[in-house]
PDB file of N, CA and C in Angstrom:
ATOM      1  N   MET A   1       0.837  -1.186   0.000  1.00  0.00           N
ATOM      2  CA  MET A   1       0.000   0.000   0.000  1.00  0.00           C
ATOM      3  C   MET A   1       0.876   1.241   0.000  1.00  0.00           C
ATOM      4  N   ALA A   2       0.478   2.223  -0.763  1.00  0.00           N
ATOM      5  CA  ALA A   2       1.240   3.456  -0.875  1.00  0.00           C
ATOM      6  C   ALA A   2       0.956   4.365   0.328  1.00  0.00           C
ATOM      7  N   ASN A   3       1.977   5.084   0.741  1.00  0.00           N
ATOM      8  CA  ASN A   3       1.827   6.037   1.837  1.00  0.00           C
ATOM      9  C   ASN A   3       1.228   7.347   1.363  1.00  0.00           C
ATOM     10  N   PHE A   4       1.340   7.616   0.079  1.00  0.00           N
ATOM     11  CA  PHE A   4       0.851   8.878  -0.481  1.00  0.00           C
ATOM     12  C   PHE A   4      -0.304   8.595  -1.427  1.00  0.00           C
ATOM     13  N   THR A   5      -1.387   9.332  -1.247  1.00  0.00           N
ATOM     14  CA  THR A   5      -2.552   9.221  -2.121  1.00  0.00           C
ATOM     15  C   THR A   5      -2.944  10.617  -2.576  1.00  0.00           C
ATOM     16  N   LEU A   6      -3.015  10.795  -3.896  1.00  0.00           N
ATOM     17  CA  LEU A   6      -3.407  12.076  -4.475  1.00  0.00           C
ATOM     18  C   LEU A   6      -4.697  11.889  -5.253  1.00  0.00           C
ATOM     19  N   ASN A   7      -5.585  12.857  -5.173  1.00  0.00           N
ATOM     20  CA  ASN A   7      -6.814  12.843  -5.953  1.00  0.00           C
ATOM     21  C   ASN A   7      -6.584  13.673  -7.211  1.00  0.00           C
ATOM     22  N   ALA A   8      -7.060  13.165  -8.336  1.00  0.00           N
ATOM     23  CA  ALA A   8      -6.838  13.852  -9.609  1.00  0.00           C
ATOM     24  C   ALA A   8      -8.097  13.801 -10.457  1.00  0.00           C
ATOM     25  N   GLN A   9      -8.131  14.690 -11.445  1.00  0.00           N
ATOM     26  CA  GLN A   9      -9.197  14.682 -12.437  1.00  0.00           C
ATOM     27  C   GLN A   9      -8.530  14.488 -13.794  1.00  0.00           C
ATOM     28  N   ALA A  10      -9.141  13.671 -14.638  1.00  0.00           N
ATOM     29  CA  ALA A  10      -8.633  13.481 -15.993  1.00  0.00           C
ATOM     30  C   ALA A  10      -8.916  14.748 -16.790  1.00  0.00           C
ATOM     31  N   ARG A  11      -8.017  15.098 -17.710  1.00  0.00           N
ATOM     32  CA  ARG A  11      -8.192  16.280 -18.550  1.00  0.00           C
ATOM     33  C   ARG A  11      -8.594  15.854 -19.950  1.00  0.00           C
ATOM     34  N   ALA A  12      -9.550  16.551 -20.507  1.00  0.00           N
ATOM     35  CA  ALA A  12      -9.967  16.296 -21.884  1.00  0.00           C
ATOM     36  C   ALA A  12      -8.906  16.843 -22.834  1.00  0.00           C
ATOM     37  N   GLU A  13      -8.916  16.347 -24.083  1.00  0.00           N
ATOM     38  CA  GLU A  13      -7.911  16.782 -25.053  1.00  0.00           C
ATOM     39  C   GLU A  13      -7.993  18.264 -25.366  1.00  0.00           C
ATOM     40  N   ASP A  14      -9.183  18.846 -25.303  1.00  0.00           N
ATOM     41  CA  ASP A  14      -9.296  20.275 -25.601  1.00  0.00           C
ATOM     42  C   ASP A  14      -8.795  21.145 -24.450  1.00  0.00           C
ATOM     43  N   LEU A  15      -8.502  20.552 -23.301  1.00  0.00           N
ATOM     44  CA  LEU A  15      -7.968  21.295 -22.155  1.00  0.00           C
ATOM     45  C   LEU A  15      -6.482  21.049 -21.971  1.00  0.00           C
ATOM     46  N   GLN A  16      -5.779  20.736 -23.056  1.00  0.00           N
ATOM     47  CA  GLN A  16      -4.348  20.508 -22.995  1.00  0.00           C
ATOM     48  C   GLN A  16      -3.642  21.603 -23.775  1.00  0.00           C
ATOM     49  N   GLY A  17      -2.406  21.847 -23.439  1.00  0.00           N
ATOM     50  CA  GLY A  17      -1.640  22.879 -24.124  1.00  0.00           C
ATOM     51  C   GLY A  17      -1.229  23.988 -23.184  1.00  0.00           C
ATOM     52  N   LYS A  18      -0.456  24.920 -23.719  1.00  0.00           N
ATOM     53  CA  LYS A  18       0.122  25.980 -22.904  1.00  0.00           C
ATOM     54  C   LYS A  18      -0.938  26.887 -22.278  1.00  0.00           C
ATOM     55  N   GLY A  19      -1.897  27.342 -23.068  1.00  0.00           N
ATOM     56  CA  GLY A  19      -2.922  28.255 -22.561  1.00  0.00           C
ATOM     57  C   GLY A  19      -3.783  27.615 -21.492  1.00  0.00           C
ATOM     58  N   SER A  20      -4.199  26.386 -21.734  1.00  0.00           N
ATOM     59  CA  SER A  20      -5.028  25.679 -20.746  1.00  0.00           C
ATOM     60  C   SER A  20      -4.254  25.410 -19.467  1.00  0.00           C
ATOM     61  N   SER A  21      -2.972  25.063 -19.603  1.00  0.00           N
ATOM     62  CA  SER A  21      -2.151  24.823 -18.416  1.00  0.00           C
ATOM     63  C   SER A  21      -1.999  26.086 -17.590  1.00  0.00           C
ATOM     64  N   ARG A  22      -1.844  27.225 -18.252  1.00  0.00           N
ATOM     65  CA  ARG A  22      -1.744  28.493 -17.522  1.00  0.00           C
ATOM     66  C   ARG A  22      -3.030  28.804 -16.773  1.00  0.00           C
ATOM     67  N   ARG A  23      -4.178  28.557 -17.412  1.00  0.00           N
ATOM     68  CA  ARG A  23      -5.462  28.791 -16.744  1.00  0.00           C
ATOM     69  C   ARG A  23      -5.620  27.860 -15.539  1.00  0.00           C
ATOM     70  N   LEU A  24      -5.162  26.616 -15.663  1.00  0.00           N
ATOM     71  CA  LEU A  24      -5.239  25.687 -14.531  1.00  0.00           C
ATOM     72  C   LEU A  24      -4.399  26.192 -13.359  1.00  0.00           C
ATOM     73  N   ARG A  25      -3.194  26.664 -13.659  1.00  0.00           N
ATOM     74  CA  ARG A  25      -2.312  27.138 -12.587  1.00  0.00           C
ATOM     75  C   ARG A  25      -2.908  28.346 -11.864  1.00  0.00           C
ATOM     76  N   LEU A  26      -3.635  29.198 -12.586  1.00  0.00           N
ATOM     77  CA  LEU A  26      -4.297  30.334 -11.956  1.00  0.00           C
ATOM     78  C   LEU A  26      -5.409  29.893 -11.009  1.00  0.00           C
ATOM     79  N   GLN A  27      -5.943  28.688 -11.220  1.00  0.00           N
ATOM     80  CA  GLN A  27      -6.996  28.127 -10.366  1.00  0.00           C
ATOM     81  C   GLN A  27      -6.418  27.189  -9.309  1.00  0.00           C
ATOM     82  N   ALA A  28      -5.111  27.290  -9.023  1.00  0.00           N
ATOM     83  CA  ALA A  28      -4.416  26.463  -8.034  1.00  0.00           C
ATOM     84  C   ALA A  28      -4.484  24.976  -8.387  1.00  0.00           C
ATOM     85  N   GLN A  29      -4.337  24.675  -9.683  1.00  0.00           N
ATOM     86  CA  GLN A  29      -4.291  23.303 -10.172  1.00  0.00           C
ATOM     87  C   GLN A  29      -2.933  23.087 -10.836  1.00  0.00           C
ATOM     88  N   VAL A  30      -2.462  21.835 -10.856  1.00  0.00           N
ATOM     89  CA  VAL A  30      -1.186  21.502 -11.484  1.00  0.00           C
ATOM     90  C   VAL A  30      -1.441  20.474 -12.576  1.00  0.00           C
ATOM     91  N   PRO A  31      -1.082  20.781 -13.829  1.00  0.00           N
ATOM     92  CA  PRO A  31      -1.209  19.779 -14.886  1.00  0.00           C
ATOM     93  C   PRO A  31      -0.152  18.691 -14.704  1.00  0.00           C
ATOM     94  N   ALA A  32      -0.505  17.458 -15.038  1.00  0.00           N
ATOM     95  CA  ALA A  32       0.422  16.337 -14.882  1.00  0.00           C
ATOM     96  C   ALA A  32       0.082  15.273 -15.922  1.00  0.00           C
ATOM     97  N   ILE A  33       0.978  14.293 -16.050  1.00  0.00           N
ATOM     98  CA  ILE A  33       0.762  13.190 -16.974  1.00  0.00           C
ATOM     99  C   ILE A  33       1.236  11.899 -16.316  1.00  0.00           C
ATOM    100  N   ILE A  34       0.507  10.823 -16.625  1.00  0.00           N
ATOM    101  CA  ILE A  34       0.895   9.478 -16.186  1.00  0.00           C
ATOM    102  C   ILE A  34       1.177   8.674 -17.441  1.00  0.00           C
ATOM    103  N   TYR A  35       2.354   8.048 -17.504  1.00  0.00           N
ATOM    104  CA  TYR A  35       2.695   7.252 -18.681  1.00  0.00           C
ATOM    105  C   TYR A  35       3.456   6.005 -18.256  1.00  0.00           C
ATOM    106  N   GLY A  36       3.752   5.150 -19.235  1.00  0.00           N
ATOM    107  CA  GLY A  36       4.501   3.924 -18.986  1.00  0.00           C
ATOM    108  C   GLY A  36       3.589   2.718 -18.936  1.00  0.00           C
ATOM    109  N   GLY A  37       4.180   1.536 -18.884  1.00  0.00           N
ATOM    110  CA  GLY A  37       3.403   0.308 -18.862  1.00  0.00           C
ATOM    111  C   GLY A  37       2.745   0.067 -20.208  1.00  0.00           C
ATOM    112  N   ASP A  38       1.701  -0.746 -20.223  1.00  0.00           N
ATOM    113  CA  ASP A  38       0.999  -1.089 -21.454  1.00  0.00           C
ATOM    114  C   ASP A  38      -0.132  -0.123 -21.782  1.00  0.00           C
ATOM    115  N   ALA A  39      -0.561   0.666 -20.815  1.00  0.00           N
ATOM    116  CA  ALA A  39      -1.702   1.562 -21.017  1.00  0.00           C
ATOM    117  C   ALA A  39      -1.268   2.855 -21.697  1.00  0.00           C
ATOM    118  N   GLU A  40      -2.232   3.546 -22.266  1.00  0.00           N
ATOM    119  CA  GLU A  40      -1.991   4.831 -22.920  1.00  0.00           C
ATOM    120  C   GLU A  40      -1.680   5.905 -21.868  1.00  0.00           C
ATOM    121  N   PRO A  41      -0.929   6.935 -22.233  1.00  0.00           N
ATOM    122  CA  PRO A  41      -0.695   8.054 -21.306  1.00  0.00           C
ATOM    123  C   PRO A  41      -2.010   8.753 -20.943  1.00  0.00           C
ATOM    124  N   VAL A  42      -2.091   9.229 -19.698  1.00  0.00           N
ATOM    125  CA  VAL A  42      -3.286   9.903 -19.197  1.00  0.00           C
ATOM    126  C   VAL A  42      -2.878  11.278 -18.698  1.00  0.00           C
ATOM    127  N   THR A  43      -3.522  12.329 -19.203  1.00  0.00           N
ATOM    128  CA  THR A  43      -3.269  13.672 -18.692  1.00  0.00           C
ATOM    129  C   THR A  43      -4.250  13.950 -17.559  1.00  0.00           C
ATOM    130  N   ILE A  44      -3.719  14.483 -16.473  1.00  0.00           N
ATOM    131  CA  ILE A  44      -4.522  14.707 -15.271  1.00  0.00           C
ATOM    132  C   ILE A  44      -4.274  16.103 -14.727  1.00  0.00           C
ATOM    133  N   THR A  45      -5.081  16.471 -13.763  1.00  0.00           N
ATOM    134  CA  THR A  45      -4.939  17.725 -13.037  1.00  0.00           C
ATOM    135  C   THR A  45      -4.931  17.404 -11.549  1.00  0.00           C
ATOM    136  N   LEU A  46      -3.921  17.922 -10.840  1.00  0.00           N
ATOM    137  CA  LEU A  46      -3.800  17.732  -9.398  1.00  0.00           C
ATOM    138  C   LEU A  46      -4.064  19.059  -8.696  1.00  0.00           C
ATOM    139  N   GLU A  47      -4.498  18.985  -7.452  1.00  0.00           N
ATOM    140  CA  GLU A  47      -4.705  20.196  -6.669  1.00  0.00           C
ATOM    141  C   GLU A  47      -3.363  20.640  -6.098  1.00  0.00           C
ATOM    142  N   LEU A  48      -3.018  21.910  -6.283  1.00  0.00           N
ATOM    143  CA  LEU A  48      -1.718  22.435  -5.867  1.00  0.00           C
ATOM    144  C   LEU A  48      -1.466  22.225  -4.380  1.00  0.00           C
ATOM    145  N   ARG A  49      -2.445  22.540  -3.564  1.00  0.00           N
ATOM    146  CA  ARG A  49      -2.291  22.435  -2.105  1.00  0.00           C
ATOM    147  C   ARG A  49      -1.952  21.007  -1.687  1.00  0.00           C
ATOM    148  N   GLU A  50      -2.638  20.035  -2.288  1.00  0.00           N
ATOM    149  CA  GLU A  50      -2.429  18.631  -1.963  1.00  0.00           C
ATOM    150  C   GLU A  50      -1.036  18.158  -2.403  1.00  0.00           C
ATOM    151  N   LEU A  51      -0.591  18.611  -3.573  1.00  0.00           N
ATOM    152  CA  LEU A  51       0.720  18.220  -4.083  1.00  0.00           C
ATOM    153  C   LEU A  51       1.840  18.834  -3.255  1.00  0.00           C
ATOM    154  N   VAL A  52       1.710  20.096  -2.882  1.00  0.00           N
ATOM    155  CA  VAL A  52       2.733  20.760  -2.078  1.00  0.00           C
ATOM    156  C   VAL A  52       2.882  20.070  -0.727  1.00  0.00           C
ATOM    157  N   LYS A  53       1.778  19.660  -0.135  1.00  0.00           N
ATOM    158  CA  LYS A  53       1.835  18.961   1.151  1.00  0.00           C
ATOM    159  C   LYS A  53       2.590  17.636   1.016  1.00  0.00           C
ATOM    160  N   ALA A  54       2.349  16.906  -0.074  1.00  0.00           N
ATOM    161  CA  ALA A  54       3.048  15.638  -0.293  1.00  0.00           C
ATOM    162  C   ALA A  54       4.534  15.861  -0.565  1.00  0.00           C
ATOM    163  N   LEU A  55       4.871  16.954  -1.226  1.00  0.00           N
ATOM    164  CA  LEU A  55       6.271  17.244  -1.558  1.00  0.00           C
ATOM    165  C   LEU A  55       7.118  17.588  -0.341  1.00  0.00           C
ATOM    166  N   GLU A  56       6.488  17.880   0.783  1.00  0.00           N
ATOM    167  CA  GLU A  56       7.237  18.193   1.996  1.00  0.00           C
ATOM    168  C   GLU A  56       8.028  16.994   2.504  1.00  0.00           C
ATOM    169  N   SER A  57       7.615  15.802   2.129  1.00  0.00           N
ATOM    170  CA  SER A  57       8.291  14.589   2.573  1.00  0.00           C
ATOM    171  C   SER A  57       9.251  14.093   1.489  1.00  0.00           C
ATOM    172  N   ASN A  58      10.483  13.803   1.864  1.00  0.00           N
ATOM    173  CA  ASN A  58      11.456  13.266   0.912  1.00  0.00           C
ATOM    174  C   ASN A  58      11.045  11.886   0.409  1.00  0.00           C
ATOM    175  N   ALA A  59      10.278  11.158   1.189  1.00  0.00           N
ATOM    176  CA  ALA A  59       9.840   9.819   0.786  1.00  0.00           C
ATOM    177  C   ALA A  59       8.924   9.871  -0.440  1.00  0.00           C
ATOM    178  N   PHE A  60       8.313  11.006  -0.720  1.00  0.00           N
ATOM    179  CA  PHE A  60       7.436  11.156  -1.879  1.00  0.00           C
ATOM    180  C   PHE A  60       8.180  10.841  -3.174  1.00  0.00           C
ATOM    181  N   PHE A  61       9.471  11.143  -3.214  1.00  0.00           N
ATOM    182  CA  PHE A  61      10.267  10.934  -4.412  1.00  0.00           C
ATOM    183  C   PHE A  61      10.785   9.500  -4.536  1.00  0.00           C
ATOM    184  N   GLU A  62      10.625   8.688  -3.495  1.00  0.00           N
ATOM    185  CA  GLU A  62      11.177   7.339  -3.494  1.00  0.00           C
ATOM    186  C   GLU A  62      10.114   6.242  -3.509  1.00  0.00           C
ATOM    187  N   GLU A  63       8.943   6.521  -2.976  1.00  0.00           N
ATOM    188  CA  GLU A  63       7.926   5.495  -2.794  1.00  0.00           C
ATOM    189  C   GLU A  63       6.872   5.515  -3.901  1.00  0.00           C
ATOM    190  N   VAL A  64       6.090   4.449  -3.937  1.00  0.00           N
ATOM    191  CA  VAL A  64       4.981   4.353  -4.884  1.00  0.00           C
ATOM    192  C   VAL A  64       3.848   5.249  -4.388  1.00  0.00           C
ATOM    193  N   ILE A  65       3.259   5.985  -5.318  1.00  0.00           N
ATOM    194  CA  ILE A  65       2.188   6.939  -5.014  1.00  0.00           C
ATOM    195  C   ILE A  65       0.906   6.431  -5.642  1.00  0.00           C
ATOM    196  N   GLU A  66      -0.196   6.531  -4.922  1.00  0.00           N
ATOM    197  CA  GLU A  66      -1.511   6.182  -5.466  1.00  0.00           C
ATOM    198  C   GLU A  66      -2.170   7.460  -5.972  1.00  0.00           C
ATOM    199  N   ILE A  67      -2.590   7.442  -7.229  1.00  0.00           N
ATOM    200  CA  ILE A  67      -3.332   8.573  -7.780  1.00  0.00           C
ATOM    201  C   ILE A  67      -4.724   8.069  -8.125  1.00  0.00           C
ATOM    202  N   LYS A  68      -5.730   8.662  -7.489  1.00  0.00           N
ATOM    203  CA  LYS A  68      -7.118   8.289  -7.733  1.00  0.00           C
ATOM    204  C   LYS A  68      -7.702   9.216  -8.794  1.00  0.00           C
ATOM    205  N   ILE A  69      -8.114   8.610  -9.914  1.00  0.00           N
ATOM    206  CA  ILE A  69      -8.747   9.351 -11.006  1.00  0.00           C
ATOM    207  C   ILE A  69     -10.164   8.815 -11.117  1.00  0.00           C
ATOM    208  N   GLY A  70     -11.100   9.506 -10.493  1.00  0.00           N
ATOM    209  CA  GLY A  70     -12.476   9.003 -10.445  1.00  0.00           C
ATOM    210  C   GLY A  70     -12.507   7.728  -9.616  1.00  0.00           C
ATOM    211  N   ASP A  71     -12.964   6.617 -10.211  1.00  0.00           N
ATOM    212  CA  ASP A  71     -13.003   5.344  -9.490  1.00  0.00           C
ATOM    213  C   ASP A  71     -11.802   4.467  -9.825  1.00  0.00           C
ATOM    214  N   LYS A  72     -10.881   4.967 -10.637  1.00  0.00           N
ATOM    215  CA  LYS A  72      -9.697   4.216 -11.034  1.00  0.00           C
ATOM    216  C   LYS A  72      -8.498   4.653 -10.193  1.00  0.00           C
ATOM    217  N   VAL A  73      -7.624   3.708  -9.850  1.00  0.00           N
ATOM    218  CA  VAL A  73      -6.427   4.009  -9.056  1.00  0.00           C
ATOM    219  C   VAL A  73      -5.191   3.610  -9.859  1.00  0.00           C
ATOM    220  N   GLU A  74      -4.239   4.520  -9.966  1.00  0.00           N
ATOM    221  CA  GLU A  74      -2.970   4.265 -10.652  1.00  0.00           C
ATOM    222  C   GLU A  74      -1.861   4.266  -9.614  1.00  0.00           C
ATOM    223  N   ASN A  75      -1.001   3.255  -9.636  1.00  0.00           N
ATOM    224  CA  ASN A  75       0.184   3.211  -8.788  1.00  0.00           C
ATOM    225  C   ASN A  75       1.361   3.709  -9.610  1.00  0.00           C
ATOM    226  N   VAL A  76       1.971   4.805  -9.162  1.00  0.00           N
ATOM    227  CA  VAL A  76       2.994   5.475  -9.948  1.00  0.00           C
ATOM    228  C   VAL A  76       4.181   5.874  -9.066  1.00  0.00           C
ATOM    229  N   LYS A  77       5.265   6.241  -9.725  1.00  0.00           N
ATOM    230  CA  LYS A  77       6.402   6.889  -9.072  1.00  0.00           C
ATOM    231  C   LYS A  77       6.636   8.195  -9.812  1.00  0.00           C
ATOM    232  N   ILE A  78       7.088   9.203  -9.102  1.00  0.00           N
ATOM    233  CA  ILE A  78       7.321  10.493  -9.741  1.00  0.00           C
ATOM    234  C   ILE A  78       8.571  10.390 -10.607  1.00  0.00           C
ATOM    235  N   GLN A  79       8.464  10.869 -11.841  1.00  0.00           N
ATOM    236  CA  GLN A  79       9.567  10.811 -12.792  1.00  0.00           C
ATOM    237  C   GLN A  79      10.247  12.177 -12.908  1.00  0.00           C
ATOM    238  N   ALA A  80       9.451  13.241 -12.992  1.00  0.00           N
ATOM    239  CA  ALA A  80      10.005  14.592 -13.129  1.00  0.00           C
ATOM    240  C   ALA A  80       9.032  15.608 -12.552  1.00  0.00           C
ATOM    241  N   MET A  81       9.585  16.728 -12.093  1.00  0.00           N
ATOM    242  CA  MET A  81       8.773  17.803 -11.531  1.00  0.00           C
ATOM    243  C   MET A  81       9.350  19.127 -12.019  1.00  0.00           C
ATOM    244  N   GLN A  82       8.527  19.927 -12.687  1.00  0.00           N
ATOM    245  CA  GLN A  82       8.965  21.259 -13.098  1.00  0.00           C
ATOM    246  C   GLN A  82       8.414  22.261 -12.092  1.00  0.00           C
ATOM    247  N   ARG A  83       9.289  23.168 -11.668  1.00  0.00           N
ATOM    248  CA  ARG A  83       8.904  24.178 -10.682  1.00  0.00           C
ATOM    249  C   ARG A  83       9.092  25.577 -11.255  1.00  0.00           C
ATOM    250  N   HIS A  84       8.345  26.521 -10.695  1.00  0.00           N
ATOM    251  CA  HIS A  84       8.483  27.916 -11.088  1.00  0.00           C
ATOM    252  C   HIS A  84       9.876  28.384 -10.649  1.00  0.00           C
ATOM    253  N   PRO A  85      10.628  29.086 -11.507  1.00  0.00           N
ATOM    254  CA  PRO A  85      12.000  29.454 -11.167  1.00  0.00           C
ATOM    255  C   PRO A  85      12.131  30.388  -9.964  1.00  0.00           C
ATOM    256  N   ALA A  86      11.185  31.272  -9.734  1.00  0.00           N
ATOM    257  CA  ALA A  86      11.301  32.214  -8.626  1.00  0.00           C
ATOM    258  C   ALA A  86      10.499  31.779  -7.404  1.00  0.00           C
ATOM    259  N   LYS A  87       9.283  31.257  -7.623  1.00  0.00           N
ATOM    260  CA  LYS A  87       8.399  30.914  -6.512  1.00  0.00           C
ATOM    261  C   LYS A  87       8.617  29.505  -5.985  1.00  0.00           C
ATOM    262  N   ASN A  88       9.252  28.641  -6.783  1.00  0.00           N
ATOM    263  CA  ASN A  88       9.515  27.247  -6.427  1.00  0.00           C
ATOM    264  C   ASN A  88       8.241  26.412  -6.270  1.00  0.00           C
ATOM    265  N   THR A  89       7.129  26.874  -6.804  1.00  0.00           N
ATOM    266  CA  THR A  89       5.890  26.091  -6.756  1.00  0.00           C
ATOM    267  C   THR A  89       5.865  25.122  -7.937  1.00  0.00           C
ATOM    268  N   PRO A  90       5.249  23.957  -7.774  1.00  0.00           N
ATOM    269  CA  PRO A  90       5.174  22.987  -8.876  1.00  0.00           C
ATOM    270  C   PRO A  90       4.364  23.546 -10.045  1.00  0.00           C
ATOM    271  N   MET A  91       4.887  23.334 -11.262  1.00  0.00           N
ATOM    272  CA  MET A  91       4.184  23.791 -12.464  1.00  0.00           C
ATOM    273  C   MET A  91       3.694  22.621 -13.302  1.00  0.00           C
ATOM    274  N   HIS A  92       4.370  21.475 -13.218  1.00  0.00           N
ATOM    275  CA  HIS A  92       3.988  20.300 -13.986  1.00  0.00           C
ATOM    276  C   HIS A  92       4.660  19.087 -13.355  1.00  0.00           C
ATOM    277  N   ALA A  93       3.983  17.937 -13.415  1.00  0.00           N
ATOM    278  CA  ALA A  93       4.554  16.707 -12.858  1.00  0.00           C
ATOM    279  C   ALA A  93       4.404  15.570 -13.859  1.00  0.00           C
ATOM    280  N   ASP A  94       5.417  14.726 -13.938  1.00  0.00           N
ATOM    281  CA  ASP A  94       5.387  13.521 -14.754  1.00  0.00           C
ATOM    282  C   ASP A  94       5.453  12.324 -13.816  1.00  0.00           C
ATOM    283  N   PHE A  95       4.517  11.398 -13.995  1.00  0.00           N
ATOM    284  CA  PHE A  95       4.484  10.181 -13.183  1.00  0.00           C
ATOM    285  C   PHE A  95       4.626   8.979 -14.101  1.00  0.00           C
ATOM    286  N   LYS A  96       5.380   7.961 -13.661  1.00  0.00           N
ATOM    287  CA  LYS A  96       5.567   6.741 -14.423  1.00  0.00           C
ATOM    288  C   LYS A  96       4.909   5.596 -13.665  1.00  0.00           C
ATOM    289  N   ARG A  97       4.137   4.783 -14.369  1.00  0.00           N
ATOM    290  CA  ARG A  97       3.451   3.664 -13.730  1.00  0.00           C
ATOM    291  C   ARG A  97       4.461   2.721 -13.098  1.00  0.00           C
ATOM    292  N   ALA A  98       4.146   2.271 -11.904  1.00  0.00           N
ATOM    293  CA  ALA A  98       5.064   1.364 -11.176  1.00  0.00           C
ATOM    294  C   ALA A  98       4.772  -0.086 -11.522  1.00  0.00           C
TER     295      ALA A  98
END
C-alpha cells in the first residue's frame, strides 16, 4: 500500500496545451501526466495544495504513489517535476506507472 494518495481529475484533449495549463495554474491546479506500462498516457490535473503537502516529505520521491482518477487508481512513481524558477511552486509533474 502506498503512503501517499493524491486525488486527480482526468483532462480532456481540448484542455491541454500551454494556454489551458496556464489557466489551470491560476486556479491552483497543477497539470500532470501518467505514462509507462501497457496503457496509454493519461493527462490529469492535481490540486496544488495537496501536491505541495506531499512534496514536503522526501519519501514522496522514493515510494509508490496512489493517484485516484475518479473510481480508477494508478500506482505510480514520480519521474520529473517542473517548478516555477522564482516561486519554487510545482508547475507540472510527470508520473511513471510502477
